[in-house]
């Protein structure tokens, strides 16, 4: 029962999101570019989001963590939805092509859902 309770908190999903965001969003593009500066601005934006996500996961708790996870992740989820519907491109690649977009939708939705569930919790 305790294992299920941990899955219902935003913290675990924020940590998972930060790990998944750092790998494909920061480390892999930097390695693929050979340390170049062609897309460095985009990589730095991904890194900023990772820092924000980790801050919310480790420096806040309870209601604040739940509400901040909703506030940070909701605009990104909306971005992916609009990108999928309008078939937007970023750096020459589709933002959210189907069916590949299901994974980012899920990963960004879970902190939102758990944040909403814990929005009024005291602990």
N, C-alpha and C. Protein backbone atom coordinates (compact mmCIF):
# COMPACT_ATOMS: atom_id res chain seq x y z
N UNK A 1 0.82 -1.19 0.00
CA UNK A 1 0.00 0.00 0.00
C UNK A 1 0.87 1.26 0.00
N UNK A 2 2.00 1.19 0.72
CA UNK A 2 2.88 2.35 0.78
C UNK A 2 3.51 2.63 -0.58
N UNK A 3 3.78 1.58 -1.35
CA UNK A 3 4.36 1.76 -2.68
C UNK A 3 3.39 2.50 -3.60
N UNK A 4 2.13 2.22 -3.47
CA UNK A 4 1.13 2.92 -4.29
C UNK A 4 1.01 4.38 -3.87
N UNK A 5 1.19 4.66 -2.58
CA UNK A 5 1.07 6.03 -2.11
C UNK A 5 2.18 6.90 -2.69
N UNK A 6 3.38 6.36 -2.82
CA UNK A 6 4.49 7.15 -3.37
C UNK A 6 4.24 7.50 -4.83
N UNK A 7 3.52 6.65 -5.56
CA UNK A 7 3.20 6.95 -6.96
C UNK A 7 2.16 8.05 -7.08
N UNK A 8 1.48 8.35 -5.99
CA UNK A 8 0.45 9.39 -6.01
C UNK A 8 0.97 10.75 -5.56
N UNK A 9 2.29 10.88 -5.43
CA UNK A 9 2.88 12.17 -5.05
C UNK A 9 3.60 12.78 -6.25
N UNK A 10 3.58 14.09 -6.36
CA UNK A 10 4.24 14.74 -7.50
C UNK A 10 5.76 14.55 -7.50
N UNK A 11 6.36 14.38 -6.32
CA UNK A 11 7.82 14.33 -6.23
C UNK A 11 8.42 13.24 -7.10
N UNK A 12 7.89 12.03 -7.04
CA UNK A 12 8.47 10.93 -7.81
C UNK A 12 8.35 11.19 -9.31
N UNK A 13 7.23 11.76 -9.73
CA UNK A 13 7.04 12.03 -11.16
C UNK A 13 7.90 13.20 -11.62
N UNK A 14 8.15 14.16 -10.73
CA UNK A 14 9.05 15.26 -11.08
C UNK A 14 10.48 14.76 -11.24
N UNK A 15 10.91 13.84 -10.38
CA UNK A 15 12.26 13.28 -10.50
C UNK A 15 12.39 12.49 -11.78
N UNK A 16 11.40 11.65 -12.09
CA UNK A 16 11.43 10.89 -13.34
C UNK A 16 11.44 11.83 -14.53
N UNK A 17 10.61 12.86 -14.49
CA UNK A 17 10.56 13.84 -15.57
C UNK A 17 11.91 14.54 -15.74
N UNK A 18 12.54 14.91 -14.64
CA UNK A 18 13.85 15.58 -14.72
C UNK A 18 14.90 14.67 -15.34
N UNK A 19 14.90 13.40 -14.97
CA UNK A 19 15.86 12.46 -15.55
C UNK A 19 15.63 12.28 -17.05
N UNK A 20 14.38 12.10 -17.42
CA UNK A 20 14.05 11.93 -18.84
C UNK A 20 14.29 13.21 -19.62
N UNK A 21 14.11 14.34 -19.00
CA UNK A 21 14.31 15.63 -19.66
C UNK A 21 15.80 15.92 -19.85
N UNK A 22 16.61 15.53 -18.88
CA UNK A 22 18.04 15.80 -18.94
C UNK A 22 18.73 14.95 -20.00
N UNK A 23 18.40 13.67 -20.06
CA UNK A 23 19.05 12.78 -21.03
C UNK A 23 18.83 13.20 -22.47
N UNK A 24 17.60 13.04 -22.97
CA UNK A 24 17.34 13.37 -24.38
C UNK A 24 17.35 14.87 -24.67
N UNK A 25 17.12 15.70 -23.67
CA UNK A 25 17.02 17.13 -23.92
C UNK A 25 18.30 17.91 -23.75
N UNK A 26 19.21 17.42 -22.91
CA UNK A 26 20.43 18.16 -22.62
C UNK A 26 21.68 17.37 -23.01
N UNK A 27 21.85 16.19 -22.44
CA UNK A 27 23.10 15.46 -22.61
C UNK A 27 23.26 14.92 -24.03
N UNK A 28 22.27 14.20 -24.54
CA UNK A 28 22.40 13.60 -25.87
C UNK A 28 22.59 14.63 -26.99
N UNK A 29 21.80 15.71 -27.03
CA UNK A 29 22.05 16.70 -28.09
C UNK A 29 23.44 17.33 -28.00
N UNK A 30 23.91 17.55 -26.78
CA UNK A 30 25.24 18.15 -26.63
C UNK A 30 26.32 17.20 -27.13
N UNK A 31 26.17 15.91 -26.84
CA UNK A 31 27.14 14.92 -27.32
C UNK A 31 27.05 14.78 -28.84
N UNK A 32 25.83 14.73 -29.37
CA UNK A 32 25.65 14.60 -30.82
C UNK A 32 26.23 15.79 -31.58
N UNK A 33 26.19 16.96 -30.98
CA UNK A 33 26.72 18.15 -31.64
C UNK A 33 28.23 18.25 -31.46
N UNK A 34 28.82 17.38 -30.68
CA UNK A 34 30.25 17.43 -30.46
C UNK A 34 30.68 18.64 -29.64
N UNK A 35 29.81 19.12 -28.79
CA UNK A 35 30.14 20.28 -27.97
C UNK A 35 30.01 21.60 -28.70
N UNK A 36 29.38 21.58 -29.88
CA UNK A 36 29.22 22.80 -30.67
C UNK A 36 28.17 23.73 -30.09
N UNK A 37 28.06 24.90 -30.70
CA UNK A 37 27.13 25.91 -30.19
C UNK A 37 25.94 26.14 -31.11
N UNK A 38 25.75 25.26 -32.09
CA UNK A 38 24.68 25.46 -33.07
C UNK A 38 23.30 25.55 -32.42
N UNK A 39 23.01 24.63 -31.52
CA UNK A 39 21.71 24.62 -30.85
C UNK A 39 21.87 24.78 -29.34
N UNK A 40 22.92 25.48 -28.93
CA UNK A 40 23.22 25.62 -27.51
C UNK A 40 22.10 26.33 -26.75
N UNK A 41 21.46 27.31 -27.36
CA UNK A 41 20.37 28.04 -26.69
C UNK A 41 19.22 27.10 -26.34
N UNK A 42 18.87 26.22 -27.26
CA UNK A 42 17.79 25.26 -27.00
C UNK A 42 18.18 24.30 -25.89
N UNK A 43 19.42 23.84 -25.90
CA UNK A 43 19.90 22.93 -24.86
C UNK A 43 19.86 23.63 -23.50
N UNK A 44 20.24 24.90 -23.46
CA UNK A 44 20.22 25.63 -22.19
C UNK A 44 18.80 25.83 -21.67
N UNK A 45 17.83 26.01 -22.56
CA UNK A 45 16.43 26.11 -22.13
C UNK A 45 15.99 24.78 -21.50
N UNK A 46 16.36 23.66 -22.14
CA UNK A 46 16.05 22.35 -21.57
C UNK A 46 16.69 22.22 -20.18
N UNK A 47 17.93 22.68 -20.05
CA UNK A 47 18.62 22.61 -18.77
C UNK A 47 17.93 23.47 -17.72
N UNK A 48 17.46 24.64 -18.11
CA UNK A 48 16.72 25.51 -17.17
C UNK A 48 15.48 24.81 -16.65
N UNK A 49 14.73 24.17 -17.55
CA UNK A 49 13.54 23.44 -17.11
C UNK A 49 13.91 22.32 -16.15
N UNK A 50 15.01 21.63 -16.42
CA UNK A 50 15.45 20.56 -15.54
C UNK A 50 15.76 21.10 -14.15
N UNK A 51 16.43 22.24 -14.07
CA UNK A 51 16.74 22.85 -12.78
C UNK A 51 15.45 23.23 -12.04
N UNK A 52 14.48 23.81 -12.75
CA UNK A 52 13.20 24.16 -12.13
C UNK A 52 12.49 22.91 -11.60
N UNK A 53 12.48 21.86 -12.41
CA UNK A 53 11.81 20.62 -12.01
C UNK A 53 12.47 20.04 -10.76
N UNK A 54 13.80 20.00 -10.74
CA UNK A 54 14.50 19.46 -9.57
C UNK A 54 14.31 20.35 -8.34
N UNK A 55 14.24 21.65 -8.53
CA UNK A 55 13.97 22.55 -7.41
C UNK A 55 12.61 22.23 -6.79
N UNK A 56 11.61 22.09 -7.63
CA UNK A 56 10.27 21.79 -7.11
C UNK A 56 10.26 20.44 -6.41
N UNK A 57 10.98 19.46 -6.96
CA UNK A 57 10.99 18.11 -6.38
C UNK A 57 11.69 18.07 -5.02
N UNK A 58 12.80 18.78 -4.88
CA UNK A 58 13.61 18.62 -3.67
C UNK A 58 13.54 19.79 -2.68
N UNK A 59 13.13 20.95 -3.11
CA UNK A 59 13.14 22.11 -2.22
C UNK A 59 11.75 22.54 -1.75
N UNK A 60 10.72 21.87 -2.23
CA UNK A 60 9.37 22.16 -1.77
C UNK A 60 8.70 20.87 -1.35
N UNK A 61 7.58 20.98 -0.66
CA UNK A 61 6.82 19.78 -0.29
C UNK A 61 5.37 20.16 -0.05
N UNK A 62 4.54 19.15 0.04
CA UNK A 62 3.12 19.36 0.33
C UNK A 62 2.39 20.16 -0.73
N UNK A 63 1.58 21.11 -0.27
CA UNK A 63 0.77 21.93 -1.18
C UNK A 63 1.62 22.71 -2.16
N UNK A 64 2.71 23.28 -1.68
CA UNK A 64 3.56 24.07 -2.58
C UNK A 64 4.11 23.21 -3.72
N UNK A 65 4.58 22.02 -3.39
CA UNK A 65 5.10 21.13 -4.43
C UNK A 65 4.02 20.74 -5.41
N UNK A 66 2.85 20.42 -4.91
CA UNK A 66 1.74 20.02 -5.78
C UNK A 66 1.34 21.16 -6.71
N UNK A 67 1.19 22.34 -6.16
CA UNK A 67 0.76 23.49 -6.97
C UNK A 67 1.84 23.92 -7.97
N UNK A 68 3.09 23.91 -7.54
CA UNK A 68 4.17 24.29 -8.46
C UNK A 68 4.33 23.27 -9.59
N UNK A 69 4.12 21.99 -9.28
CA UNK A 69 4.23 20.99 -10.35
C UNK A 69 3.13 21.18 -11.39
N UNK A 70 1.95 21.55 -10.94
CA UNK A 70 0.86 21.84 -11.89
C UNK A 70 1.20 23.08 -12.71
N UNK A 71 1.70 24.11 -12.05
CA UNK A 71 1.98 25.37 -12.75
C UNK A 71 3.15 25.26 -13.73
N UNK A 72 4.15 24.44 -13.43
CA UNK A 72 5.29 24.31 -14.34
C UNK A 72 4.97 23.37 -15.50
N UNK A 73 4.30 22.28 -15.22
CA UNK A 73 4.10 21.25 -16.25
C UNK A 73 2.92 21.54 -17.17
N UNK A 74 1.91 22.26 -16.71
CA UNK A 74 0.74 22.52 -17.54
C UNK A 74 1.05 23.26 -18.84
N UNK A 75 1.83 24.36 -18.81
CA UNK A 75 2.13 25.04 -20.07
C UNK A 75 2.92 24.17 -21.05
N UNK A 76 3.78 23.32 -20.53
CA UNK A 76 4.55 22.44 -21.42
C UNK A 76 3.63 21.42 -22.07
N UNK A 77 2.69 20.87 -21.30
CA UNK A 77 1.73 19.93 -21.88
C UNK A 77 0.88 20.62 -22.94
N UNK A 78 0.45 21.84 -22.67
CA UNK A 78 -0.32 22.60 -23.66
C UNK A 78 0.52 22.83 -24.92
N UNK A 79 1.81 23.13 -24.74
CA UNK A 79 2.71 23.30 -25.88
C UNK A 79 2.75 22.03 -26.74
N UNK A 80 2.87 20.86 -26.09
CA UNK A 80 2.90 19.61 -26.85
C UNK A 80 1.57 19.35 -27.55
N UNK A 81 0.47 19.65 -26.90
CA UNK A 81 -0.84 19.44 -27.52
C UNK A 81 -1.00 20.34 -28.74
N UNK A 82 -0.68 21.62 -28.59
CA UNK A 82 -0.77 22.55 -29.72
C UNK A 82 0.19 22.14 -30.83
N UNK A 83 1.40 21.73 -30.45
CA UNK A 83 2.38 21.27 -31.43
C UNK A 83 1.91 20.06 -32.20
N UNK A 84 1.22 19.15 -31.53
CA UNK A 84 0.70 17.96 -32.20
C UNK A 84 -0.45 18.30 -33.13
N UNK A 85 -1.37 19.13 -32.65
CA UNK A 85 -2.55 19.49 -33.45
C UNK A 85 -2.15 20.29 -34.69
N UNK A 86 -1.24 21.26 -34.50
CA UNK A 86 -0.86 22.14 -35.60
C UNK A 86 0.34 21.63 -36.40
N UNK A 87 0.87 20.46 -35.98
CA UNK A 87 2.04 19.86 -36.64
C UNK A 87 3.21 20.84 -36.71
N UNK A 88 3.50 21.47 -35.57
CA UNK A 88 4.58 22.45 -35.50
C UNK A 88 5.94 21.75 -35.55
N UNK A 89 6.94 22.50 -35.98
CA UNK A 89 8.31 22.00 -36.04
C UNK A 89 9.22 22.89 -35.21
N UNK A 90 10.26 22.27 -34.64
CA UNK A 90 11.27 23.00 -33.90
C UNK A 90 12.62 22.43 -34.33
N UNK A 91 13.50 23.27 -34.81
CA UNK A 91 14.81 22.87 -35.33
C UNK A 91 14.66 21.85 -36.46
N UNK A 92 13.62 22.01 -37.26
CA UNK A 92 13.41 21.14 -38.41
C UNK A 92 12.77 19.80 -38.09
N UNK A 93 12.43 19.57 -36.83
CA UNK A 93 11.81 18.31 -36.41
C UNK A 93 10.42 18.59 -35.86
N UNK A 94 9.47 17.66 -36.05
CA UNK A 94 8.13 17.86 -35.50
C UNK A 94 8.18 17.92 -33.97
N UNK A 95 7.40 18.81 -33.40
CA UNK A 95 7.36 18.98 -31.94
C UNK A 95 6.75 17.75 -31.28
N UNK A 96 5.63 17.29 -31.79
CA UNK A 96 4.92 16.17 -31.17
C UNK A 96 4.25 15.30 -32.24
N UNK A 97 5.04 14.50 -32.96
CA UNK A 97 4.42 13.64 -33.97
C UNK A 97 3.75 12.43 -33.30
N UNK A 98 2.62 12.03 -33.84
CA UNK A 98 1.96 10.83 -33.32
C UNK A 98 2.51 9.61 -34.01
N UNK A 99 2.66 8.49 -33.36
CA UNK A 99 2.32 8.15 -31.99
C UNK A 99 3.42 8.45 -30.98
N UNK A 100 4.57 8.97 -31.42
CA UNK A 100 5.67 9.26 -30.51
C UNK A 100 5.30 10.27 -29.43
N UNK A 101 4.33 11.12 -29.70
CA UNK A 101 3.95 12.18 -28.76
C UNK A 101 3.23 11.65 -27.52
N UNK A 102 2.78 10.42 -27.55
CA UNK A 102 2.07 9.86 -26.40
C UNK A 102 2.97 9.82 -25.17
N UNK A 103 4.24 9.49 -25.36
CA UNK A 103 5.17 9.41 -24.22
C UNK A 103 5.36 10.77 -23.54
N UNK A 104 5.69 11.86 -24.28
CA UNK A 104 5.79 13.15 -23.60
C UNK A 104 4.48 13.61 -22.97
N UNK A 105 3.36 13.32 -23.63
CA UNK A 105 2.06 13.67 -23.03
C UNK A 105 1.92 13.01 -21.66
N UNK A 106 2.26 11.73 -21.59
CA UNK A 106 2.14 10.98 -20.35
C UNK A 106 3.10 11.50 -19.29
N UNK A 107 4.36 11.68 -19.67
CA UNK A 107 5.38 12.10 -18.71
C UNK A 107 5.09 13.48 -18.14
N UNK A 108 4.60 14.39 -18.96
CA UNK A 108 4.28 15.74 -18.46
C UNK A 108 2.92 15.78 -17.77
N UNK A 109 2.02 14.82 -18.06
CA UNK A 109 0.70 14.80 -17.43
C UNK A 109 0.72 14.26 -16.01
N UNK A 110 1.60 13.32 -15.72
CA UNK A 110 1.59 12.69 -14.39
C UNK A 110 1.90 13.67 -13.25
N UNK A 111 2.89 14.57 -13.38
CA UNK A 111 3.06 15.56 -12.30
C UNK A 111 1.85 16.48 -12.16
N UNK A 112 1.18 16.76 -13.29
CA UNK A 112 -0.01 17.60 -13.24
C UNK A 112 -1.13 16.88 -12.49
N UNK A 113 -1.38 15.63 -12.85
CA UNK A 113 -2.46 14.87 -12.21
C UNK A 113 -2.21 14.66 -10.73
N UNK A 114 -0.98 14.26 -10.37
CA UNK A 114 -0.69 14.06 -8.95
C UNK A 114 -0.67 15.39 -8.21
N UNK A 115 -0.28 16.45 -8.88
CA UNK A 115 -0.32 17.77 -8.26
C UNK A 115 -1.74 18.21 -7.96
N UNK A 116 -2.64 17.95 -8.90
CA UNK A 116 -4.06 18.29 -8.69
C UNK A 116 -4.63 17.45 -7.54
N UNK A 117 -4.27 16.17 -7.50
CA UNK A 117 -4.77 15.30 -6.43
C UNK A 117 -4.28 15.75 -5.06
N UNK A 118 -3.07 16.31 -5.00
CA UNK A 118 -2.48 16.72 -3.73
C UNK A 118 -2.51 18.23 -3.50
N UNK A 119 -3.27 18.93 -4.30
CA UNK A 119 -3.29 20.40 -4.26
C UNK A 119 -3.74 20.95 -2.91
N UNK A 120 -4.60 20.24 -2.23
CA UNK A 120 -5.11 20.71 -0.94
C UNK A 120 -4.60 19.88 0.23
N UNK A 121 -3.57 19.06 0.00
CA UNK A 121 -3.04 18.24 1.09
C UNK A 121 -2.13 19.08 1.98
N UNK A 122 -2.08 18.73 3.23
CA UNK A 122 -1.25 19.48 4.19
C UNK A 122 0.14 18.90 4.31
N UNK A 123 0.33 17.62 4.00
CA UNK A 123 1.64 16.98 4.18
C UNK A 123 2.41 16.93 2.91
